[in-house]
mmCIF file of all heavy atoms, coordinates in Angstrom:
data_MODEL
# 
_entry.id   MODEL 
# 
loop_
_atom_site.group_PDB 
_atom_site.id 
_atom_site.type_symbol 
_atom_site.label_atom_id 
_atom_site.label_alt_id 
_atom_site.label_comp_id 
_atom_site.label_asym_id 
_atom_site.label_entity_id 
_atom_site.label_seq_id 
_atom_site.pdbx_PDB_ins_code 
_atom_site.Cartn_x 
_atom_site.Cartn_y 
_atom_site.Cartn_z 
_atom_site.occupancy 
_atom_site.B_iso_or_equiv 
_atom_site.pdbx_formal_charge 
_atom_site.auth_seq_id 
_atom_site.auth_comp_id 
_atom_site.auth_asym_id 
_atom_site.auth_atom_id 
_atom_site.pdbx_PDB_model_num 
ATOM 1   N N   . PHE A 1 1  ? 7.918  -0.335 4.600  1.00 0.00 ? 1  PHE A N   1 
ATOM 2   C CA  . PHE A 1 1  ? 8.975  0.633  4.304  1.00 0.00 ? 1  PHE A CA  1 
ATOM 3   C C   . PHE A 1 1  ? 10.173 0.358  5.201  1.00 0.00 ? 1  PHE A C   1 
ATOM 4   O O   . PHE A 1 1  ? 10.011 0.121  6.395  1.00 0.00 ? 1  PHE A O   1 
ATOM 5   C CB  . PHE A 1 1  ? 8.491  2.069  4.577  1.00 0.00 ? 1  PHE A CB  1 
ATOM 6   C CG  . PHE A 1 1  ? 7.445  2.534  3.621  1.00 0.00 ? 1  PHE A CG  1 
ATOM 7   C CD1 . PHE A 1 1  ? 6.099  2.347  3.910  1.00 0.00 ? 1  PHE A CD1 1 
ATOM 8   C CD2 . PHE A 1 1  ? 7.796  3.148  2.422  1.00 0.00 ? 1  PHE A CD2 1 
ATOM 9   C CE1 . PHE A 1 1  ? 5.125  2.761  3.033  1.00 0.00 ? 1  PHE A CE1 1 
ATOM 10  C CE2 . PHE A 1 1  ? 6.816  3.578  1.539  1.00 0.00 ? 1  PHE A CE2 1 
ATOM 11  C CZ  . PHE A 1 1  ? 5.487  3.383  1.845  1.00 0.00 ? 1  PHE A CZ  1 
ATOM 12  N N   . LEU A 1 2  ? 11.333 0.379  4.636  1.00 0.00 ? 2  LEU A N   1 
ATOM 13  C CA  . LEU A 1 2  ? 12.563 0.284  5.420  1.00 0.00 ? 2  LEU A CA  1 
ATOM 14  C C   . LEU A 1 2  ? 13.365 1.548  5.179  1.00 0.00 ? 2  LEU A C   1 
ATOM 15  O O   . LEU A 1 2  ? 13.650 1.900  4.037  1.00 0.00 ? 2  LEU A O   1 
ATOM 16  C CB  . LEU A 1 2  ? 13.393 -0.936 5.010  1.00 0.00 ? 2  LEU A CB  1 
ATOM 17  C CG  . LEU A 1 2  ? 14.724 -1.077 5.764  1.00 0.00 ? 2  LEU A CG  1 
ATOM 18  C CD1 . LEU A 1 2  ? 14.486 -1.527 7.193  1.00 0.00 ? 2  LEU A CD1 1 
ATOM 19  C CD2 . LEU A 1 2  ? 15.639 -2.059 5.059  1.00 0.00 ? 2  LEU A CD2 1 
ATOM 20  N N   . ILE A 1 3  ? 13.685 2.254  6.251  1.00 0.00 ? 3  ILE A N   1 
ATOM 21  C CA  . ILE A 1 3  ? 14.453 3.490  6.137  1.00 0.00 ? 3  ILE A CA  1 
ATOM 22  C C   . ILE A 1 3  ? 15.852 3.241  6.666  1.00 0.00 ? 3  ILE A C   1 
ATOM 23  O O   . ILE A 1 3  ? 16.023 2.816  7.813  1.00 0.00 ? 3  ILE A O   1 
ATOM 24  C CB  . ILE A 1 3  ? 13.777 4.631  6.926  1.00 0.00 ? 3  ILE A CB  1 
ATOM 25  C CG1 . ILE A 1 3  ? 12.383 4.905  6.346  1.00 0.00 ? 3  ILE A CG1 1 
ATOM 26  C CG2 . ILE A 1 3  ? 14.634 5.893  6.897  1.00 0.00 ? 3  ILE A CG2 1 
ATOM 27  C CD1 . ILE A 1 3  ? 11.530 5.797  7.200  1.00 0.00 ? 3  ILE A CD1 1 
ATOM 28  N N   . VAL A 1 4  ? 16.852 3.479  5.836  1.00 0.00 ? 4  VAL A N   1 
ATOM 29  C CA  . VAL A 1 4  ? 18.246 3.293  6.235  1.00 0.00 ? 4  VAL A CA  1 
ATOM 30  C C   . VAL A 1 4  ? 18.867 4.671  6.448  1.00 0.00 ? 4  VAL A C   1 
ATOM 31  O O   . VAL A 1 4  ? 18.823 5.523  5.563  1.00 0.00 ? 4  VAL A O   1 
ATOM 32  C CB  . VAL A 1 4  ? 19.044 2.524  5.159  1.00 0.00 ? 4  VAL A CB  1 
ATOM 33  C CG1 . VAL A 1 4  ? 20.485 2.317  5.613  1.00 0.00 ? 4  VAL A CG1 1 
ATOM 34  C CG2 . VAL A 1 4  ? 18.387 1.182  4.866  1.00 0.00 ? 4  VAL A CG2 1 
ATOM 35  N N   . THR A 1 5  ? 19.407 4.895  7.633  1.00 0.00 ? 5  THR A N   1 
ATOM 36  C CA  . THR A 1 5  ? 19.976 6.205  7.945  1.00 0.00 ? 5  THR A CA  1 
ATOM 37  C C   . THR A 1 5  ? 21.215 6.043  8.812  1.00 0.00 ? 5  THR A C   1 
ATOM 38  O O   . THR A 1 5  ? 21.391 5.011  9.470  1.00 0.00 ? 5  THR A O   1 
ATOM 39  C CB  . THR A 1 5  ? 18.949 7.094  8.669  1.00 0.00 ? 5  THR A CB  1 
ATOM 40  O OG1 . THR A 1 5  ? 19.542 8.355  8.979  1.00 0.00 ? 5  THR A OG1 1 
ATOM 41  C CG2 . THR A 1 5  ? 18.473 6.452  9.967  1.00 0.00 ? 5  THR A CG2 1 
ATOM 42  N N   . ASN A 1 6  ? 22.073 7.063  8.795  1.00 0.00 ? 6  ASN A N   1 
ATOM 43  C CA  . ASN A 1 6  ? 23.220 7.036  9.699  1.00 0.00 ? 6  ASN A CA  1 
ATOM 44  C C   . ASN A 1 6  ? 22.750 7.303  11.131 1.00 0.00 ? 6  ASN A C   1 
ATOM 45  O O   . ASN A 1 6  ? 21.758 7.995  11.363 1.00 0.00 ? 6  ASN A O   1 
ATOM 46  C CB  . ASN A 1 6  ? 24.287 8.054  9.281  1.00 0.00 ? 6  ASN A CB  1 
ATOM 47  C CG  . ASN A 1 6  ? 23.732 9.432  9.043  1.00 0.00 ? 6  ASN A CG  1 
ATOM 48  O OD1 . ASN A 1 6  ? 22.789 9.585  8.271  1.00 0.00 ? 6  ASN A OD1 1 
ATOM 49  N ND2 . ASN A 1 6  ? 24.294 10.426 9.694  1.00 0.00 ? 6  ASN A ND2 1 
ATOM 50  N N   . SER A 1 7  ? 23.469 6.755  12.109 1.00 0.00 ? 7  SER A N   1 
ATOM 51  C CA  . SER A 1 7  ? 23.025 6.763  13.501 1.00 0.00 ? 7  SER A CA  1 
ATOM 52  C C   . SER A 1 7  ? 22.905 8.160  14.094 1.00 0.00 ? 7  SER A C   1 
ATOM 53  O O   . SER A 1 7  ? 22.101 8.393  14.991 1.00 0.00 ? 7  SER A O   1 
ATOM 54  C CB  . SER A 1 7  ? 23.996 5.937  14.353 1.00 0.00 ? 7  SER A CB  1 
ATOM 55  O OG  . SER A 1 7  ? 24.032 4.605  13.882 1.00 0.00 ? 7  SER A OG  1 
ATOM 56  N N   . ASP A 1 8  ? 23.712 9.121  13.615 1.00 0.00 ? 8  ASP A N   1 
ATOM 57  C CA  . ASP A 1 8  ? 23.699 10.463 14.212 1.00 0.00 ? 8  ASP A CA  1 
ATOM 58  C C   . ASP A 1 8  ? 22.785 11.436 13.449 1.00 0.00 ? 8  ASP A C   1 
ATOM 59  O O   . ASP A 1 8  ? 22.887 12.643 13.608 1.00 0.00 ? 8  ASP A O   1 
ATOM 60  C CB  . ASP A 1 8  ? 25.114 11.037 14.297 1.00 0.00 ? 8  ASP A CB  1 
ATOM 61  C CG  . ASP A 1 8  ? 25.762 11.206 12.925 1.00 0.00 ? 8  ASP A CG  1 
ATOM 62  O OD1 . ASP A 1 8  ? 25.199 10.679 11.937 1.00 0.00 ? 8  ASP A OD1 1 
ATOM 63  O OD2 . ASP A 1 8  ? 26.820 11.850 12.845 1.00 0.00 ? 8  ASP A OD2 1 
ATOM 64  N N   . ASN A 1 9  ? 21.879 10.901 12.631 1.00 0.00 ? 9  ASN A N   1 
ATOM 65  C CA  . ASN A 1 9  ? 20.950 11.743 11.886 1.00 0.00 ? 9  ASN A CA  1 
ATOM 66  C C   . ASN A 1 9  ? 20.040 12.506 12.860 1.00 0.00 ? 9  ASN A C   1 
ATOM 67  O O   . ASN A 1 9  ? 19.285 11.909 13.624 1.00 0.00 ? 9  ASN A O   1 
ATOM 68  C CB  . ASN A 1 9  ? 20.102 10.862 10.958 1.00 0.00 ? 9  ASN A CB  1 
ATOM 69  C CG  . ASN A 1 9  ? 19.249 11.683 10.008 1.00 0.00 ? 9  ASN A CG  1 
ATOM 70  O OD1 . ASN A 1 9  ? 18.890 12.821 10.293 1.00 0.00 ? 9  ASN A OD1 1 
ATOM 71  N ND2 . ASN A 1 9  ? 18.931 11.096 8.873  1.00 0.00 ? 9  ASN A ND2 1 
ATOM 72  N N   . LYS A 1 10 ? 20.105 13.833 12.834 1.00 0.00 ? 10 LYS A N   1 
ATOM 73  C CA  . LYS A 1 10 ? 19.343 14.656 13.771 1.00 0.00 ? 10 LYS A CA  1 
ATOM 74  C C   . LYS A 1 10 ? 17.838 14.585 13.519 1.00 0.00 ? 10 LYS A C   1 
ATOM 75  O O   . LYS A 1 10 ? 17.047 14.887 14.406 1.00 0.00 ? 10 LYS A O   1 
ATOM 76  C CB  . LYS A 1 10 ? 19.820 16.112 13.692 1.00 0.00 ? 10 LYS A CB  1 
ATOM 77  C CG  . LYS A 1 10 ? 21.245 16.310 14.178 1.00 0.00 ? 10 LYS A CG  1 
ATOM 78  C CD  . LYS A 1 10 ? 21.688 17.753 14.038 1.00 0.00 ? 10 LYS A CD  1 
ATOM 79  C CE  . LYS A 1 10 ? 23.127 17.927 14.504 1.00 0.00 ? 10 LYS A CE  1 
ATOM 80  N NZ  . LYS A 1 10 ? 23.594 19.322 14.337 1.00 0.00 ? 10 LYS A NZ  1 
ATOM 81  N N   . GLY A 1 11 ? 17.450 14.188 12.308 1.00 0.00 ? 11 GLY A N   1 
ATOM 82  C CA  . GLY A 1 11 ? 16.023 14.121 11.985 1.00 0.00 ? 11 GLY A CA  1 
ATOM 83  C C   . GLY A 1 11 ? 15.397 12.769 12.268 1.00 0.00 ? 11 GLY A C   1 
ATOM 84  O O   . GLY A 1 11 ? 14.218 12.553 12.010 1.00 0.00 ? 11 GLY A O   1 
ATOM 85  N N   . LYS A 1 12 ? 16.185 11.858 12.848 1.00 0.00 ? 12 LYS A N   1 
ATOM 86  C CA  . LYS A 1 12 ? 15.730 10.481 13.063 1.00 0.00 ? 12 LYS A CA  1 
ATOM 87  C C   . LYS A 1 12 ? 14.508 10.407 13.982 1.00 0.00 ? 12 LYS A C   1 
ATOM 88  O O   . LYS A 1 12 ? 13.525 9.738  13.670 1.00 0.00 ? 12 LYS A O   1 
ATOM 89  C CB  . LYS A 1 12 ? 16.886 9.676  13.638 1.00 0.00 ? 12 LYS A CB  1 
ATOM 90  C CG  . LYS A 1 12 ? 16.642 8.192  13.746 1.00 0.00 ? 12 LYS A CG  1 
ATOM 91  C CD  . LYS A 1 12 ? 17.912 7.479  14.199 1.00 0.00 ? 12 LYS A CD  1 
ATOM 92  C CE  . LYS A 1 12 ? 18.366 8.006  15.554 1.00 0.00 ? 12 LYS A CE  1 
ATOM 93  N NZ  . LYS A 1 12 ? 19.597 7.344  16.016 1.00 0.00 ? 12 LYS A NZ  1 
ATOM 94  N N   . GLU A 1 13 ? 14.575 11.096 15.117 1.00 0.00 ? 13 GLU A N   1 
ATOM 95  C CA  . GLU A 1 13 ? 13.458 11.048 16.076 1.00 0.00 ? 13 GLU A CA  1 
ATOM 96  C C   . GLU A 1 13 ? 12.208 11.721 15.504 1.00 0.00 ? 13 GLU A C   1 
ATOM 97  O O   . GLU A 1 13 ? 11.089 11.276 15.722 1.00 0.00 ? 13 GLU A O   1 
ATOM 98  C CB  . GLU A 1 13 ? 13.864 11.721 17.391 1.00 0.00 ? 13 GLU A CB  1 
ATOM 99  C CG  . GLU A 1 13 ? 14.986 11.000 18.129 1.00 0.00 ? 13 GLU A CG  1 
ATOM 100 C CD  . GLU A 1 13 ? 14.670 9.539  18.394 1.00 0.00 ? 13 GLU A CD  1 
ATOM 101 O OE1 . GLU A 1 13 ? 13.509 9.239  18.774 1.00 0.00 ? 13 GLU A OE1 1 
ATOM 102 O OE2 . GLU A 1 13 ? 15.563 8.693  18.199 1.00 0.00 ? 13 GLU A OE2 1 
ATOM 103 N N   . PHE A 1 14 ? 12.420 12.804 14.747 1.00 0.00 ? 14 PHE A N   1 
ATOM 104 C CA  . PHE A 1 14 ? 11.294 13.481 14.095 1.00 0.00 ? 14 PHE A CA  1 
ATOM 105 C C   . PHE A 1 14 ? 10.630 12.546 13.095 1.00 0.00 ? 14 PHE A C   1 
ATOM 106 O O   . PHE A 1 14 ? 9.409  12.463 13.004 1.00 0.00 ? 14 PHE A O   1 
ATOM 107 C CB  . PHE A 1 14 ? 11.794 14.746 13.402 1.00 0.00 ? 14 PHE A CB  1 
ATOM 108 C CG  . PHE A 1 14 ? 10.737 15.471 12.606 1.00 0.00 ? 14 PHE A CG  1 
ATOM 109 C CD1 . PHE A 1 14 ? 9.647  16.048 13.234 1.00 0.00 ? 14 PHE A CD1 1 
ATOM 110 C CD2 . PHE A 1 14 ? 10.832 15.554 11.229 1.00 0.00 ? 14 PHE A CD2 1 
ATOM 111 C CE1 . PHE A 1 14 ? 8.667  16.712 12.504 1.00 0.00 ? 14 PHE A CE1 1 
ATOM 112 C CE2 . PHE A 1 14 ? 9.857  16.211 10.488 1.00 0.00 ? 14 PHE A CE2 1 
ATOM 113 C CZ  . PHE A 1 14 ? 8.777  16.785 11.140 1.00 0.00 ? 14 PHE A CZ  1 
ATOM 114 N N   . LEU A 1 15 ? 11.451 11.807 12.359 1.00 0.00 ? 15 LEU A N   1 
ATOM 115 C CA  . LEU A 1 15 ? 10.943 10.849 11.384 1.00 0.00 ? 15 LEU A CA  1 
ATOM 116 C C   . LEU A 1 15 ? 10.146 9.749  12.080 1.00 0.00 ? 15 LEU A C   1 
ATOM 117 O O   . LEU A 1 15 ? 9.072  9.354  11.620 1.00 0.00 ? 15 LEU A O   1 
ATOM 118 C CB  . LEU A 1 15 ? 12.112 10.238 10.604 1.00 0.00 ? 15 LEU A CB  1 
ATOM 119 C CG  . LEU A 1 15 ? 11.784 9.442  9.349  1.00 0.00 ? 15 LEU A CG  1 
ATOM 120 C CD1 . LEU A 1 15 ? 11.100 10.313 8.324  1.00 0.00 ? 15 LEU A CD1 1 
ATOM 121 C CD2 . LEU A 1 15 ? 13.041 8.840  8.769  1.00 0.00 ? 15 LEU A CD2 1 
ATOM 122 N N   . LYS A 1 16 ? 10.648 9.273  13.199 1.00 0.00 ? 16 LYS A N   1 
ATOM 123 C CA  . LYS A 1 16 ? 9.942  8.248  13.972 1.00 0.00 ? 16 LYS A CA  1 
ATOM 124 C C   . LYS A 1 16 ? 8.574  8.744  14.422 1.00 0.00 ? 16 LYS A C   1 
ATOM 125 O O   . LYS A 1 16 ? 7.582  8.016  14.383 1.00 0.00 ? 16 LYS A O   1 
ATOM 126 C CB  . LYS A 1 16 ? 10.773 7.852  15.192 1.00 0.00 ? 16 LYS A CB  1 
ATOM 127 C CG  . LYS A 1 16 ? 11.947 6.940  14.896 1.00 0.00 ? 16 LYS A CG  1 
ATOM 128 C CD  . LYS A 1 16 ? 12.674 6.592  16.185 1.00 0.00 ? 16 LYS A CD  1 
ATOM 129 C CE  . LYS A 1 16 ? 13.847 5.675  15.928 1.00 0.00 ? 16 LYS A CE  1 
ATOM 130 N NZ  . LYS A 1 16 ? 14.570 5.364  17.185 1.00 0.00 ? 16 LYS A NZ  1 
ATOM 131 N N   . SER A 1 17 ? 8.513  10.007 14.866 1.00 0.00 ? 17 SER A N   1 
ATOM 132 C CA  . SER A 1 17 ? 7.252  10.561 15.353 1.00 0.00 ? 17 SER A CA  1 
ATOM 133 C C   . SER A 1 17 ? 6.226  10.686 14.233 1.00 0.00 ? 17 SER A C   1 
ATOM 134 O O   . SER A 1 17 ? 5.020  10.515 14.446 1.00 0.00 ? 17 SER A O   1 
ATOM 135 C CB  . SER A 1 17 ? 7.483  11.925 16.004 1.00 0.00 ? 17 SER A CB  1 
ATOM 136 O OG  . SER A 1 17 ? 7.831  12.905 15.039 1.00 0.00 ? 17 SER A OG  1 
ATOM 137 N N   . LEU A 1 18 ? 6.694  10.987 13.023 1.00 0.00 ? 18 LEU A N   1 
ATOM 138 C CA  . LEU A 1 18 ? 5.781  11.104 11.884 1.00 0.00 ? 18 LEU A CA  1 
ATOM 139 C C   . LEU A 1 18 ? 5.253  9.750  11.440 1.00 0.00 ? 18 LEU A C   1 
ATOM 140 O O   . LEU A 1 18 ? 4.120  9.636  10.975 1.00 0.00 ? 18 LEU A O   1 
ATOM 141 C CB  . LEU A 1 18 ? 6.495  11.775 10.702 1.00 0.00 ? 18 LEU A CB  1 
ATOM 142 C CG  . LEU A 1 18 ? 6.819  13.265 10.810 1.00 0.00 ? 18 LEU A CG  1 
ATOM 143 C CD1 . LEU A 1 18 ? 7.565  13.721 9.564  1.00 0.00 ? 18 LEU A CD1 1 
ATOM 144 C CD2 . LEU A 1 18 ? 5.544  14.087 10.962 1.00 0.00 ? 18 LEU A CD2 1 
ATOM 145 N N   . LEU A 1 19 ? 6.085  8.725  11.558 1.00 0.00 ? 19 LEU A N   1 
ATOM 146 C CA  . LEU A 1 19 ? 5.749  7.417  10.997 1.00 0.00 ? 19 LEU A CA  1 
ATOM 147 C C   . LEU A 1 19 ? 5.393  6.377  12.046 1.00 0.00 ? 19 LEU A C   1 
ATOM 148 O O   . LEU A 1 19 ? 5.334  5.188  11.747 1.00 0.00 ? 19 LEU A O   1 
ATOM 149 C CB  . LEU A 1 19 ? 6.932  6.904  10.169 1.00 0.00 ? 19 LEU A CB  1 
ATOM 150 C CG  . LEU A 1 19 ? 7.343  7.768  8.979  1.00 0.00 ? 19 LEU A CG  1 
ATOM 151 C CD1 . LEU A 1 19 ? 8.607  7.223  8.338  1.00 0.00 ? 19 LEU A CD1 1 
ATOM 152 C CD2 . LEU A 1 19 ? 6.241  7.850  7.946  1.00 0.00 ? 19 LEU A CD2 1 
ATOM 153 N N   . LYS A 1 20 ? 5.138  6.821  13.292 1.00 0.00 ? 20 LYS A N   1 
ATOM 154 C CA  . LYS A 1 20 ? 4.907  5.850  14.370 1.00 0.00 ? 20 LYS A CA  1 
ATOM 155 C C   . LYS A 1 20 ? 3.675  4.981  14.144 1.00 0.00 ? 20 LYS A C   1 
ATOM 156 O O   . LYS A 1 20 ? 3.584  3.881  14.677 1.00 0.00 ? 20 LYS A O   1 
ATOM 157 C CB  . LYS A 1 20 ? 4.816  6.572  15.714 1.00 0.00 ? 20 LYS A CB  1 
ATOM 158 C CG  . LYS A 1 20 ? 3.685  7.592  15.823 1.00 0.00 ? 20 LYS A CG  1 
ATOM 159 C CD  . LYS A 1 20 ? 3.775  8.331  17.151 1.00 0.00 ? 20 LYS A CD  1 
ATOM 160 C CE  . LYS A 1 20 ? 2.699  9.413  17.246 1.00 0.00 ? 20 LYS A CE  1 
ATOM 161 N NZ  . LYS A 1 20 ? 2.823  10.181 18.507 1.00 0.00 ? 20 LYS A NZ  1 
ATOM 162 N N   . LYS A 1 21 ? 2.724  5.465  13.357 1.00 0.00 ? 21 LYS A N   1 
ATOM 163 C CA  . LYS A 1 21 ? 1.510  4.688  13.100 1.00 0.00 ? 21 LYS A CA  1 
ATOM 164 C C   . LYS A 1 21 ? 1.613  3.880  11.802 1.00 0.00 ? 21 LYS A C   1 
ATOM 165 O O   . LYS A 1 21 ? 0.700  3.145  11.453 1.00 0.00 ? 21 LYS A O   1 
ATOM 166 C CB  . LYS A 1 21 ? 0.294  5.611  13.030 1.00 0.00 ? 21 LYS A CB  1 
ATOM 167 C CG  . LYS A 1 21 ? -0.004 6.314  14.353 1.00 0.00 ? 21 LYS A CG  1 
ATOM 168 C CD  . LYS A 1 21 ? -1.224 7.209  14.216 1.00 0.00 ? 21 LYS A CD  1 
ATOM 169 C CE  . LYS A 1 21 ? -1.514 7.936  15.527 1.00 0.00 ? 21 LYS A CE  1 
ATOM 170 N NZ  . LYS A 1 21 ? -2.679 8.854  15.398 1.00 0.00 ? 21 LYS A NZ  1 
ATOM 171 N N   . GLU A 1 22 ? 2.711  4.044  11.094 1.00 0.00 ? 22 GLU A N   1 
ATOM 172 C CA  . GLU A 1 22 ? 2.846  3.381  9.800  1.00 0.00 ? 22 GLU A CA  1 
ATOM 173 C C   . GLU A 1 22 ? 3.606  2.060  9.940  1.00 0.00 ? 22 GLU A C   1 
ATOM 174 O O   . GLU A 1 22 ? 4.246  1.781  10.947 1.00 0.00 ? 22 GLU A O   1 
ATOM 175 C CB  . GLU A 1 22 ? 3.591  4.302  8.821  1.00 0.00 ? 22 GLU A CB  1 
ATOM 176 C CG  . GLU A 1 22 ? 2.948  5.653  8.615  1.00 0.00 ? 22 GLU A CG  1 
ATOM 177 C CD  . GLU A 1 22 ? 1.581  5.568  7.947  1.00 0.00 ? 22 GLU A CD  1 
ATOM 178 O OE1 . GLU A 1 22 ? 1.337  4.577  7.239  1.00 0.00 ? 22 GLU A OE1 1 
ATOM 179 O OE2 . GLU A 1 22 ? 0.780  6.478  8.143  1.00 0.00 ? 22 GLU A OE2 1 
ATOM 180 N N   . ASN A 1 23 ? 3.546  1.261  8.893  1.00 0.00 ? 23 ASN A N   1 
ATOM 181 C CA  . ASN A 1 23 ? 4.242  -0.017 8.865  1.00 0.00 ? 23 ASN A CA  1 
ATOM 182 C C   . ASN A 1 23 ? 5.644  0.204  8.305  1.00 0.00 ? 23 ASN A C   1 
ATOM 183 O O   . ASN A 1 23 ? 5.861  0.178  7.098  1.00 0.00 ? 23 ASN A O   1 
ATOM 184 C CB  . ASN A 1 23 ? 3.461  -1.004 7.994  1.00 0.00 ? 23 ASN A CB  1 
ATOM 185 C CG  . ASN A 1 23 ? 4.132  -2.372 7.957  1.00 0.00 ? 23 ASN A CG  1 
ATOM 186 O OD1 . ASN A 1 23 ? 4.900  -2.717 8.841  1.00 0.00 ? 23 ASN A OD1 1 
ATOM 187 N ND2 . ASN A 1 23 ? 3.846  -3.128 6.914  1.00 0.00 ? 23 ASN A ND2 1 
ATOM 188 N N   . PHE A 1 24 ? 6.596  0.437  9.199  1.00 0.00 ? 24 PHE A N   1 
ATOM 189 C CA  . PHE A 1 24 ? 7.946  0.716  8.723  1.00 0.00 ? 24 PHE A CA  1 
ATOM 190 C C   . PHE A 1 24 ? 8.978  0.253  9.748  1.00 0.00 ? 24 PHE A C   1 
ATOM 191 O O   . PHE A 1 24 ? 8.674  0.031  10.924 1.00 0.00 ? 24 PHE A O   1 
ATOM 192 C CB  . PHE A 1 24 ? 8.131  2.210  8.447  1.00 0.00 ? 24 PHE A CB  1 
ATOM 193 C CG  . PHE A 1 24 ? 8.560  3.015  9.643  1.00 0.00 ? 24 PHE A CG  1 
ATOM 194 C CD1 . PHE A 1 24 ? 9.866  3.454  9.772  1.00 0.00 ? 24 PHE A CD1 1 
ATOM 195 C CD2 . PHE A 1 24 ? 7.660  3.313  10.653 1.00 0.00 ? 24 PHE A CD2 1 
ATOM 196 C CE1 . PHE A 1 24 ? 10.253 4.176  10.869 1.00 0.00 ? 24 PHE A CE1 1 
ATOM 197 C CE2 . PHE A 1 24 ? 8.046  4.045  11.750 1.00 0.00 ? 24 PHE A CE2 1 
ATOM 198 C CZ  . PHE A 1 24 ? 9.345  4.472  11.867 1.00 0.00 ? 24 PHE A CZ  1 
ATOM 199 N N   . ASN A 1 25 ? 10.181 0.085  9.279  1.00 0.00 ? 25 ASN A N   1 
ATOM 200 C CA  . ASN A 1 25 ? 11.322 -0.232 10.143 1.00 0.00 ? 25 ASN A CA  1 
ATOM 201 C C   . ASN A 1 25 ? 12.407 0.788  9.898  1.00 0.00 ? 25 ASN A C   1 
ATOM 202 O O   . ASN A 1 25 ? 12.564 1.299  8.782  1.00 0.00 ? 25 ASN A O   1 
ATOM 203 C CB  . ASN A 1 25 ? 11.867 -1.636 9.848  1.00 0.00 ? 25 ASN A CB  1 
ATOM 204 C CG  . ASN A 1 25 ? 10.882 -2.716 10.230 1.00 0.00 ? 25 ASN A CG  1 
ATOM 205 O OD1 . ASN A 1 25 ? 10.527 -2.840 11.394 1.00 0.00 ? 25 ASN A OD1 1 
ATOM 206 N ND2 . ASN A 1 25 ? 10.425 -3.482 9.248  1.00 0.00 ? 25 ASN A ND2 1 
ATOM 207 N N   . LEU A 1 26 ? 13.156 1.086  10.938 1.00 0.00 ? 26 LEU A N   1 
ATOM 208 C CA  . LEU A 1 26 ? 14.260 2.038  10.815 1.00 0.00 ? 26 LEU A CA  1 
ATOM 209 C C   . LEU A 1 26 ? 15.560 1.290  11.076 1.00 0.00 ? 26 LEU A C   1 
ATOM 210 O O   . LEU A 1 26 ? 15.767 0.730  12.150 1.00 0.00 ? 26 LEU A O   1 
ATOM 211 C CB  . LEU A 1 26 ? 14.098 3.170  11.833 1.00 0.00 ? 26 LEU A CB  1 
ATOM 212 C CG  . LEU A 1 26 ? 15.080 4.338  11.708 1.00 0.00 ? 26 LEU A CG  1 
ATOM 213 C CD1 . LEU A 1 26 ? 14.794 5.134  10.444 1.00 0.00 ? 26 LEU A CD1 1 
ATOM 214 C CD2 . LEU A 1 26 ? 14.982 5.254  12.917 1.00 0.00 ? 26 LEU A CD2 1 
ATOM 215 N N   . LYS A 1 27 ? 16.426 1.246  10.075 1.00 0.00 ? 27 LYS A N   1 
ATOM 216 C CA  . LYS A 1 27 ? 17.708 0.565  10.188 1.00 0.00 ? 27 LYS A CA  1 
ATOM 217 C C   . LYS A 1 27 ? 18.814 1.614  10.217 1.00 0.00 ? 27 LYS A C   1 
ATOM 218 O O   . LYS A 1 27 ? 18.904 2.444  9.321  1.00 0.00 ? 27 LYS A O   1 
ATOM 219 C CB  . LYS A 1 27 ? 17.910 -0.384 8.996  1.00 0.00 ? 27 LYS A CB  1 
ATOM 220 C CG  . LYS A 1 27 ? 19.251 -1.091 8.969  1.00 0.00 ? 27 LYS A CG  1 
ATOM 221 C CD  . LYS A 1 27 ? 19.374 -2.131 10.064 1.00 0.00 ? 27 LYS A CD  1 
ATOM 222 C CE  . LYS A 1 27 ? 20.698 -2.882 9.969  1.00 0.00 ? 27 LYS A CE  1 
ATOM 223 N NZ  . LYS A 1 27 ? 20.857 -3.886 11.040 1.00 0.00 ? 27 LYS A NZ  1 
# 
């Protein structure tokens, strides 16, 4: 999974915590 988001997205860290065990990249 590749997630593309704007840099100031307030939910970014929450998303990272949910998906930390998954195979994904955050761009």
